[in-house]
Amino acid sequence: MKECGIIIGGMTCSACSARIEKTLNSSDGVVKATVNLASSMSKIQYDESKITPSELKSIIDNLGYKAEFAGKDKNKTVIDFQKKEIKKLFVLTAISSILSFPLLLSMILMHLTENFSFIHNPYLHLALSAPVQFIIGFRFYKKSFITLKTFSPGMDFLVALGTTAAYFFSLYNLFFIQNHSHLYFESSAVLITLILFGKYLEAKAKVKTSSAIQKLMNLSPANARILREGKEIQISAADLIPGDAIVIRPGEIIPADGIVISGFSAVDESMITGESIPSDKSEGSRITAGTLNTSGSLIMRADKTGEDTIISRIIQTVENAALSKAPVQKLADKISGIFAWSVLSIAAVTFISWYFYSGNISEAVSNSVAVLVIACPCALGLATPTALIAGIGMGASNNILIKDAESLEMLSKISILMIDKTGTLTDGKLSVNDVITDDNEKDYVLRLTSIAEKFSEHPLAKAVREKYSDETHPSDFMSYAGKGISCIYENKELLCGNAKFMKDKGIHEDKINEMVLKASKSGKTFLLTAFDNKLIGAVTFDDKLRDSAITTVESLENMGIKTIMLTGDNFNSAEKTAKECGIETFYHSLLPEDKAQIIKKYESKNTRVLFAGDGINDAPALASASVGLTVAGGSDIAMEACAITLLKSDLNGIVNAVNLSSAVMKKIRQNLFWAFFYNCLGIPLAAFGFLSPLIAGSAMAFSSVSVVTNSLLLKKKKLF
């Protein structure tokens, strides 16, 4: 299965995006297609043996829209595409305004009972309105024709039908009835101008919703300098390959992930980690693409380039999230699907009712046109995606990486945070505190523990190796998630793990209980070590709470969210940490699958759980929760299993993520309310003759602009 991104120009309402999405999804070879009205972007998964990207593009083109493949820098391509559309709309709006202004002036002067025969000349009105109606307004006719073929009319059809009815009714009165008092040339021309102006403002606002993503894109430099055969040459950053020696000068952005091979400098990593203090880098230091070299010169070896870098993966995640749909959007999509037909029915009833009620066909036409124009579903289609894009972009700018819109929505519904202890509530920077043994040297126990943990990536293993480094390599290494490890050293079995693991391996139970009692008195985390079927000792560890752990638990409690700790540590260690954080409920001595089962138990009671963890062993729990969250420094597997990643090692990011989700959902509810309010109020007012077509057109344009502007107001809120 392959995936491609196609930018779509010319979408005017949710009916457009729904039509394209439906047509693509019904095409042979398309696995799944998603179209986002706010970003003008589509993501299409397809079977390359059945359909090609060119054929996908043709399907969209044949629906009357302008399709263009997205390049590697998708968001930049989208914004460039949108800027072209803005420029085009500006030109059309300007020309339409120049032609329509005399018509509007004529209407104003007529209401002021001023008589200027030239400006009131009906043939002048005809001459000025014709190019607006049929040249500038051709875009509405073109799409209306295509939508009629698929029986899925949208905004374009409503606008075309309304303005055409006003225009041709005016022609009829001018040439056949010769009644110059009921001409609506100015209505049709000014309506088209207002709608285009509204689309212009809307397009400008939509670009702003993607500005945070664009800032991420700017973290990738265009060029890089590399050393080839002792010479320094400049190439495109996109052409870098792993192994290249890259020269980084002061003030330059690092173009790849890799390791410093010479030089010394301080690197500002705030754009990736959120840490404001530059980090010193020298030979052997790891550096990341998108970070800023502030002082000295460096030569680095590229390990990951292009789309494999961390910053590229972050950008890709944000782009995918912006394209995804939240469950709340399904309501808007469903309503949009039947909206146009309902409006057409109301307009028809309005025309017939007014005609039979007053006998005045002009009044009947005017009121039915007002219904058609005010009922555009643009605002409904923009209500959800504009708020989501603004929110996801804000999150990315503040070190909160959100994988999809559904998770962002679900985060606002959680009532329980379940959180891992080691590396999540604590800073994960473990250090060996003591070695407890009965009849062995402490160094001997520590050395064997270090050998046993030689190939383990567990935080406890790393702490042991930092305390005691041994070059001996054991054989037959086996890791048991959440329990321990086994290996062979000097032809004897060497074990390291928790009490249950030792019992499972047949170690003398009374000896285990005795050692556990000694080690657990301190309330610290510990590992038991056994060699040649004998328990030889225990290593205890210090692990400090994160600075933000206590305030995070308190803040969530004030928000009505209960915190529960899940840990594989022993009871005493778990109880000590829980008390320090102010957590009342905790579960200890858990295996990875135990954490997942506890989460499922709570979820089965219709409780929405957010789980926060950082390690490989947390992956099952992250996947089982309604929302999974991992903190900075977490494993790649944990990041893959979770929906939200905190790029900064600050647990207050959990509070910020919940606040962001609540703010976005509030904006979506506001947007949907206003979208429905405009139509629920505007359609009856138009049908009962309280709105002229011009006022209806203005209200319709204002509704779309107000929804997008309301989404942009998210940036003004102090959420972080």
Foldseek 3Di string as FASTA:
>chain_A
DDKFKKAKPDDQALLLQLVLQVQQVVDPFWPHKFAAPLLSMMMTDGHCVTDDPVVSQVSRVLLVIHMDTADLLRSVSSLVVLVVVLVVLVVLLVLLCVLLVLVVVLVVCVVVVHDDPVSLPVVSLVVSLVCLLCPSLVSLVRNLVSCVVVVFDALSVLLNVLLVLLQVVQVCCVPPVVPSVLHCSSLSSLLSSLQSVLVSLLSVLSSVLQVLLVVLVVLADQKWWFADPNDIDIDGLQPDDFFTWTKDAAFDFDHAKFFWQADKFWKQCCLQAVDGGTHIHGGGDIDFGSIHTHHHMTITGHHGGRCRGPSNVLSVQLVQQLRADAPVLVVLSVCSRCQLVVLLVLLVVLLVVCCVVPVDNSLSSFLSSLSSQLSHNRLSSCLASLLRSNLQSVCSSQQKRFRHPHQLQLLLQAAAEEEEPQCAQFVLQKAWDAKFFDPDDSVVQLVLLLQLLVPPPHSVNVRSCVVPPDPDHFAPWDADFLFWIWTADPNKIKTKGALVNLVVVPADNVVSVVQCVVQCVVLFFKMWIDIRSYTGIMITMDTGGDPQQQVLQVLSVVVNHAYEYEYLGDDSNQVVSCVVNVHDHYDYNDFLVRLLVVQVVCVVVVHAYEYEDAEPSVLSNQQNGSFYEYEAPGDPSSVVSGRMYRSYSHSCSSQLSNLSSNVSVVLSVVSNVLSVVSSVPSSVCSSVSNDGSSRSSNSNSVSSSVSSVSSNCSVVDDRD
